[in-house]
Amino acid sequence: MNPEKVKEIGKICIPGMRLSLYNKEFIPGPGTYELQGYIYATLAGVLKMEVDETTKATTVSVESPRTPSVLPKTGDIVTAKVMVVNSRQVHCTILCVGPSVLVRPYRGILKKEDIKSTDKDRIDPYKCFRPGDVILARVLPMTEIHWYHLSTAENELGVVIATAEGSPQGVSMLPISW
């Protein structure tokens, strides 16, 4: 952000607080998300607005002194650790956004239909992931306030580190198919 063009509103925000309409004039920035035509805060912090001189659109963002400079946003590739697997979804902890390690982890959810781009109705999450696996995933638009929605439905995404089940030393597994 260009400091001369940033207007610190000074309004204190909490997660889930409605900040503005979402239209051509106001677009969501870091620390916010769009849902049903409105921009909401994802963080507790101070409301900031930056006007883009070329498009005349105002980016609405929330900045917190305790917030890392990097937050996952729609389209980012993230590194996450699988925590819980069930028949409908996989719960993850997001550790990195691109090459940047996060100061604190964020929660991610990988729904059954976002695991593969084909055969979506026949996917069994138990056969794709296990707790402890490290995955690469793409961040999808937020649909829930406290979870980042993830997808592994691309060839370059999915499990990148897995250990053999029952192995006392945590022997790394090798891929056998793509």
C-alpha atoms as a PDB file:
ATOM      1  CA  MET A   1       0.000   0.000   0.000  1.00  0.00           C
ATOM      2  CA  ASN A   2       1.156   3.484  -0.798  1.00  0.00           C
ATOM      3  CA  PRO A   3       1.206   5.344   2.573  1.00  0.00           C
ATOM      4  CA  GLU A   4       0.139   8.686   1.032  1.00  0.00           C
ATOM      5  CA  LYS A   5      -3.035   7.156  -0.395  1.00  0.00           C
ATOM      6  CA  VAL A   6      -4.070   5.185   2.695  1.00  0.00           C
ATOM      7  CA  LYS A   7      -6.756   6.709   4.845  1.00  0.00           C
ATOM      8  CA  GLU A   8      -6.830   5.330   8.368  1.00  0.00           C
ATOM      9  CA  ILE A   9     -10.452   5.575   9.383  1.00  0.00           C
ATOM     10  CA  GLY A  10      -9.659   4.770  13.017  1.00  0.00           C
ATOM     11  CA  LYS A  11     -12.745   2.625  13.405  1.00  0.00           C
ATOM     12  CA  ILE A  12     -12.007  -0.460  15.488  1.00  0.00           C
ATOM     13  CA  CYS A  13     -13.236  -3.647  13.819  1.00  0.00           C
ATOM     14  CA  ILE A  14     -13.923  -7.149  15.088  1.00  0.00           C
ATOM     15  CA  PRO A  15     -14.178 -10.349  13.008  1.00  0.00           C
ATOM     16  CA  GLY A  16     -17.525 -10.564  11.225  1.00  0.00           C
ATOM     17  CA  MET A  17     -18.239  -6.820  11.417  1.00  0.00           C
ATOM     18  CA  ARG A  18     -19.888  -5.422   8.258  1.00  0.00           C
ATOM     19  CA  LEU A  19     -17.629  -2.669   6.864  1.00  0.00           C
ATOM     20  CA  SER A  20     -19.179  -1.528   3.575  1.00  0.00           C
ATOM     21  CA  LEU A  21     -21.023  -2.483   0.430  1.00  0.00           C
ATOM     22  CA  TYR A  22     -19.119  -4.509  -2.168  1.00  0.00           C
ATOM     23  CA  ASN A  23     -19.362  -2.860  -5.597  1.00  0.00           C
ATOM     24  CA  LYS A  24     -17.205  -1.101  -8.218  1.00  0.00           C
ATOM     25  CA  GLU A  25     -16.292   1.601  -5.709  1.00  0.00           C
ATOM     26  CA  PHE A  26     -15.408  -0.579  -2.704  1.00  0.00           C
ATOM     27  CA  ILE A  27     -13.418  -3.830  -2.952  1.00  0.00           C
ATOM     28  CA  PRO A  28     -12.158  -6.157  -0.184  1.00  0.00           C
ATOM     29  CA  GLY A  29      -8.481  -6.062   0.768  1.00  0.00           C
ATOM     30  CA  PRO A  30      -6.304  -7.814   3.381  1.00  0.00           C
ATOM     31  CA  GLY A  31      -8.157  -8.701   6.565  1.00  0.00           C
ATOM     32  CA  THR A  32     -11.579  -8.658   4.859  1.00  0.00           C
ATOM     33  CA  TYR A  33     -13.838 -10.836   2.736  1.00  0.00           C
ATOM     34  CA  GLU A  34     -16.945 -10.362   0.598  1.00  0.00           C
ATOM     35  CA  LEU A  35     -20.224 -12.144   1.300  1.00  0.00           C
ATOM     36  CA  GLN A  36     -23.629 -11.450  -0.276  1.00  0.00           C
ATOM     37  CA  GLY A  37     -22.754  -7.965  -1.496  1.00  0.00           C
ATOM     38  CA  TYR A  38     -21.027  -6.691   1.659  1.00  0.00           C
ATOM     39  CA  ILE A  39     -17.423  -6.494   2.886  1.00  0.00           C
ATOM     40  CA  TYR A  40     -16.763  -7.963   6.349  1.00  0.00           C
ATOM     41  CA  ALA A  41     -13.732  -7.946   8.676  1.00  0.00           C
ATOM     42  CA  THR A  42     -11.814 -11.192   9.263  1.00  0.00           C
ATOM     43  CA  LEU A  43      -9.554  -9.628  11.902  1.00  0.00           C
ATOM     44  CA  ALA A  44      -9.751  -7.452  14.969  1.00  0.00           C
ATOM     45  CA  GLY A  45      -7.994  -4.208  14.111  1.00  0.00           C
ATOM     46  CA  VAL A  46      -8.256  -0.764  12.540  1.00  0.00           C
ATOM     47  CA  LEU A  47     -10.248  -0.037   9.367  1.00  0.00           C
ATOM     48  CA  LYS A  48      -8.137   1.365   6.502  1.00  0.00           C
ATOM     49  CA  MET A  49      -9.138   2.492   3.018  1.00  0.00           C
ATOM     50  CA  GLU A  50      -6.852   3.033   0.015  1.00  0.00           C
ATOM     51  CA  VAL A  51      -7.999   4.693  -3.208  1.00  0.00           C
ATOM     52  CA  ASP A  52      -6.525   3.343  -6.460  1.00  0.00           C
ATOM     53  CA  GLU A  53      -5.923   6.350  -8.729  1.00  0.00           C
ATOM     54  CA  THR A  54      -6.351   4.391 -11.989  1.00  0.00           C
ATOM     55  CA  THR A  55      -9.583   2.524 -11.205  1.00  0.00           C
ATOM     56  CA  LYS A  56     -10.911   4.991  -8.596  1.00  0.00           C
ATOM     57  CA  ALA A  57     -11.869   1.952  -6.480  1.00  0.00           C
ATOM     58  CA  THR A  58     -11.339   2.027  -2.729  1.00  0.00           C
ATOM     59  CA  THR A  59      -9.713  -1.036  -1.147  1.00  0.00           C
ATOM     60  CA  VAL A  60     -11.223  -1.710   2.269  1.00  0.00           C
ATOM     61  CA  SER A  61      -8.828  -3.488   4.654  1.00  0.00           C
ATOM     62  CA  VAL A  62      -8.348  -4.193   8.338  1.00  0.00           C
ATOM     63  CA  GLU A  63      -4.890  -3.952   9.873  1.00  0.00           C
ATOM     64  CA  SER A  64      -3.917  -5.239  13.273  1.00  0.00           C
ATOM     65  CA  PRO A  65      -0.593  -4.646  15.022  1.00  0.00           C
ATOM     66  CA  ARG A  66      -0.576  -8.329  15.971  1.00  0.00           C
ATOM     67  CA  THR A  67      -1.390  -9.493  12.447  1.00  0.00           C
ATOM     68  CA  PRO A  68       1.396 -10.834  10.234  1.00  0.00           C
ATOM     69  CA  SER A  69       1.985  -8.902   7.041  1.00  0.00           C
ATOM     70  CA  VAL A  70       0.964 -11.950   4.986  1.00  0.00           C
ATOM     71  CA  LEU A  71      -2.585 -13.303   5.110  1.00  0.00           C
ATOM     72  CA  PRO A  72      -4.035 -16.033   2.887  1.00  0.00           C
ATOM     73  CA  LYS A  73      -6.222 -14.551   0.157  1.00  0.00           C
ATOM     74  CA  THR A  74      -8.265 -15.994  -2.683  1.00  0.00           C
ATOM     75  CA  GLY A  75      -6.014 -17.615  -5.294  1.00  0.00           C
ATOM     76  CA  ASP A  76      -2.941 -18.017  -3.065  1.00  0.00           C
ATOM     77  CA  ILE A  77      -1.100 -21.346  -2.865  1.00  0.00           C
ATOM     78  CA  VAL A  78      -0.720 -22.368   0.778  1.00  0.00           C
ATOM     79  CA  THR A  79       1.138 -25.104   2.642  1.00  0.00           C
ATOM     80  CA  ALA A  80      -1.032 -26.776   5.254  1.00  0.00           C
ATOM     81  CA  LYS A  81      -0.898 -29.696   7.664  1.00  0.00           C
ATOM     82  CA  VAL A  82      -3.832 -32.121   7.759  1.00  0.00           C
ATOM     83  CA  MET A  83      -5.297 -32.331  11.259  1.00  0.00           C
ATOM     84  CA  VAL A  84      -8.632 -34.204  10.937  1.00  0.00           C
ATOM     85  CA  VAL A  85     -10.113 -36.275   8.107  1.00  0.00           C
ATOM     86  CA  ASN A  86     -13.770 -37.276   7.920  1.00  0.00           C
ATOM     87  CA  SER A  87     -16.089 -38.504   5.159  1.00  0.00           C
ATOM     88  CA  ARG A  88     -17.131 -34.999   4.019  1.00  0.00           C
ATOM     89  CA  GLN A  89     -14.106 -32.767   4.607  1.00  0.00           C
ATOM     90  CA  VAL A  90     -10.510 -32.392   5.728  1.00  0.00           C
ATOM     91  CA  HIS A  91      -9.528 -29.911   8.459  1.00  0.00           C
ATOM     92  CA  CYS A  92      -6.093 -28.315   8.046  1.00  0.00           C
ATOM     93  CA  THR A  93      -3.780 -25.825   9.692  1.00  0.00           C
ATOM     94  CA  ILE A  94      -2.331 -23.313   7.199  1.00  0.00           C
ATOM     95  CA  LEU A  95       1.380 -22.810   7.903  1.00  0.00           C
ATOM     96  CA  CYS A  96       2.700 -20.890   4.858  1.00  0.00           C
ATOM     97  CA  VAL A  97       1.356 -18.605   2.133  1.00  0.00           C
ATOM     98  CA  GLY A  98       3.557 -19.050  -0.914  1.00  0.00           C
ATOM     99  CA  PRO A  99       7.151 -18.898   0.384  1.00  0.00           C
ATOM    100  CA  SER A 100       6.209 -16.906   3.521  1.00  0.00           C
ATOM    101  CA  VAL A 101       5.933 -18.710   6.854  1.00  0.00           C
ATOM    102  CA  LEU A 102       3.028 -17.388   8.907  1.00  0.00           C
ATOM    103  CA  VAL A 103       3.551 -15.971  12.393  1.00  0.00           C
ATOM    104  CA  ARG A 104       0.460 -17.839  13.537  1.00  0.00           C
ATOM    105  CA  PRO A 105      -1.399 -20.655  11.774  1.00  0.00           C
ATOM    106  CA  TYR A 106      -4.871 -20.284  10.278  1.00  0.00           C
ATOM    107  CA  ARG A 107      -7.608 -22.890   9.979  1.00  0.00           C
ATOM    108  CA  GLY A 108      -8.446 -24.296   6.570  1.00  0.00           C
ATOM    109  CA  ILE A 109     -11.135 -26.664   5.367  1.00  0.00           C
ATOM    110  CA  LEU A 110     -10.945 -28.846   2.267  1.00  0.00           C
ATOM    111  CA  LYS A 111     -14.388 -30.074   1.238  1.00  0.00           C
ATOM    112  CA  LYS A 112     -14.837 -33.457  -0.450  1.00  0.00           C
ATOM    113  CA  GLU A 113     -15.860 -31.885  -3.782  1.00  0.00           C
ATOM    114  CA  ASP A 114     -12.694 -29.719  -3.862  1.00  0.00           C
ATOM    115  CA  ILE A 115     -10.194 -32.594  -3.540  1.00  0.00           C
ATOM    116  CA  LYS A 116     -10.110 -33.592  -7.235  1.00  0.00           C
ATOM    117  CA  SER A 117     -11.353 -31.926 -10.404  1.00  0.00           C
ATOM    118  CA  THR A 118     -12.814 -35.217 -11.714  1.00  0.00           C
ATOM    119  CA  ASP A 119     -14.906 -37.963 -10.073  1.00  0.00           C
ATOM    120  CA  LYS A 120     -16.033 -35.508  -7.392  1.00  0.00           C
ATOM    121  CA  ASP A 121     -18.913 -37.722  -6.269  1.00  0.00           C
ATOM    122  CA  ARG A 122     -16.712 -40.804  -5.768  1.00  0.00           C
ATOM    123  CA  ILE A 123     -13.904 -39.228  -3.725  1.00  0.00           C
ATOM    124  CA  ASP A 124     -13.105 -40.797  -0.371  1.00  0.00           C
ATOM    125  CA  PRO A 125     -11.137 -38.281   1.740  1.00  0.00           C
ATOM    126  CA  TYR A 126      -9.778 -41.163   3.870  1.00  0.00           C
ATOM    127  CA  LYS A 127      -7.985 -42.557   0.778  1.00  0.00           C
ATOM    128  CA  CYS A 128      -6.533 -39.155  -0.157  1.00  0.00           C
ATOM    129  CA  PHE A 129      -5.318 -37.701   3.154  1.00  0.00           C
ATOM    130  CA  ARG A 130      -4.234 -38.730   6.643  1.00  0.00           C
ATOM    131  CA  PRO A 131      -3.630 -36.618   9.736  1.00  0.00           C
ATOM    132  CA  GLY A 132      -0.045 -35.345   9.653  1.00  0.00           C
ATOM    133  CA  ASP A 133       0.161 -35.063   5.844  1.00  0.00           C
ATOM    134  CA  VAL A 134       1.567 -31.800   4.502  1.00  0.00           C
ATOM    135  CA  ILE A 135      -0.354 -30.497   1.490  1.00  0.00           C
ATOM    136  CA  LEU A 136      -0.267 -27.708  -1.073  1.00  0.00           C
ATOM    137  CA  ALA A 137      -3.681 -26.150  -1.713  1.00  0.00           C
ATOM    138  CA  ARG A 138      -5.229 -23.118  -3.374  1.00  0.00           C
ATOM    139  CA  VAL A 139      -7.321 -20.688  -1.315  1.00  0.00           C
ATOM    140  CA  LEU A 140     -10.907 -20.366  -2.581  1.00  0.00           C
ATOM    141  CA  PRO A 141     -13.269 -17.458  -1.819  1.00  0.00           C
ATOM    142  CA  MET A 142     -14.275 -17.450   1.849  1.00  0.00           C
ATOM    143  CA  THR A 143     -17.685 -18.925   2.618  1.00  0.00           C
ATOM    144  CA  GLU A 144     -17.290 -19.220   6.381  1.00  0.00           C
ATOM    145  CA  ILE A 145     -15.958 -16.613   8.762  1.00  0.00           C
ATOM    146  CA  HIS A 146     -13.432 -18.677  10.745  1.00  0.00           C
ATOM    147  CA  TRP A 147     -12.149 -21.065   8.035  1.00  0.00           C
ATOM    148  CA  TYR A 148     -10.216 -20.605   4.812  1.00  0.00           C
ATOM    149  CA  HIS A 149     -11.806 -22.731   2.086  1.00  0.00           C
ATOM    150  CA  LEU A 150      -9.112 -24.743   0.224  1.00  0.00           C
ATOM    151  CA  SER A 151      -8.876 -26.815  -2.974  1.00  0.00           C
ATOM    152  CA  THR A 152      -6.394 -29.439  -4.207  1.00  0.00           C
ATOM    153  CA  ALA A 153      -8.190 -29.923  -7.552  1.00  0.00           C
ATOM    154  CA  GLU A 154      -5.118 -29.141  -9.698  1.00  0.00           C
ATOM    155  CA  ASN A 155      -2.237 -31.383 -10.816  1.00  0.00           C
ATOM    156  CA  GLU A 156       0.371 -29.346  -8.912  1.00  0.00           C
ATOM    157  CA  LEU A 157      -1.552 -29.494  -5.625  1.00  0.00           C
ATOM    158  CA  GLY A 158      -2.152 -32.212  -3.031  1.00  0.00           C
ATOM    159  CA  VAL A 159      -0.034 -34.177  -0.564  1.00  0.00           C
ATOM    160  CA  VAL A 160       3.661 -33.262  -0.691  1.00  0.00           C
ATOM    161  CA  ILE A 161       4.882 -34.957   2.509  1.00  0.00           C
ATOM    162  CA  ALA A 162       3.403 -38.103   4.049  1.00  0.00           C
ATOM    163  CA  THR A 163       4.781 -40.635   6.510  1.00  0.00           C
ATOM    164  CA  ALA A 164       4.219 -44.377   6.530  1.00  0.00           C
ATOM    165  CA  GLU A 165       1.428 -45.546   8.819  1.00  0.00           C
ATOM    166  CA  GLY A 166       2.703 -47.346  11.898  1.00  0.00           C
ATOM    167  CA  SER A 167       6.298 -46.334  11.226  1.00  0.00           C
ATOM    168  CA  PRO A 168       8.041 -45.514  14.531  1.00  0.00           C
ATOM    169  CA  GLN A 169      10.639 -43.270  12.847  1.00  0.00           C
ATOM    170  CA  GLY A 170       8.123 -41.510  10.587  1.00  0.00           C
ATOM    171  CA  VAL A 171       9.557 -42.877   7.330  1.00  0.00           C
ATOM    172  CA  SER A 172       8.602 -40.610   4.414  1.00  0.00           C
ATOM    173  CA  MET A 173       6.435 -42.179   1.745  1.00  0.00           C
ATOM    174  CA  LEU A 174       7.200 -41.942  -1.981  1.00  0.00           C
ATOM    175  CA  PRO A 175       4.555 -41.166  -4.644  1.00  0.00           C
ATOM    176  CA  ILE A 176       3.442 -44.043  -6.883  1.00  0.00           C
ATOM    177  CA  SER A 177       0.831 -42.312  -9.055  1.00  0.00           C
ATOM    178  CA  TRP A 178      -0.389 -38.863  -9.976  1.00  0.00           C
END
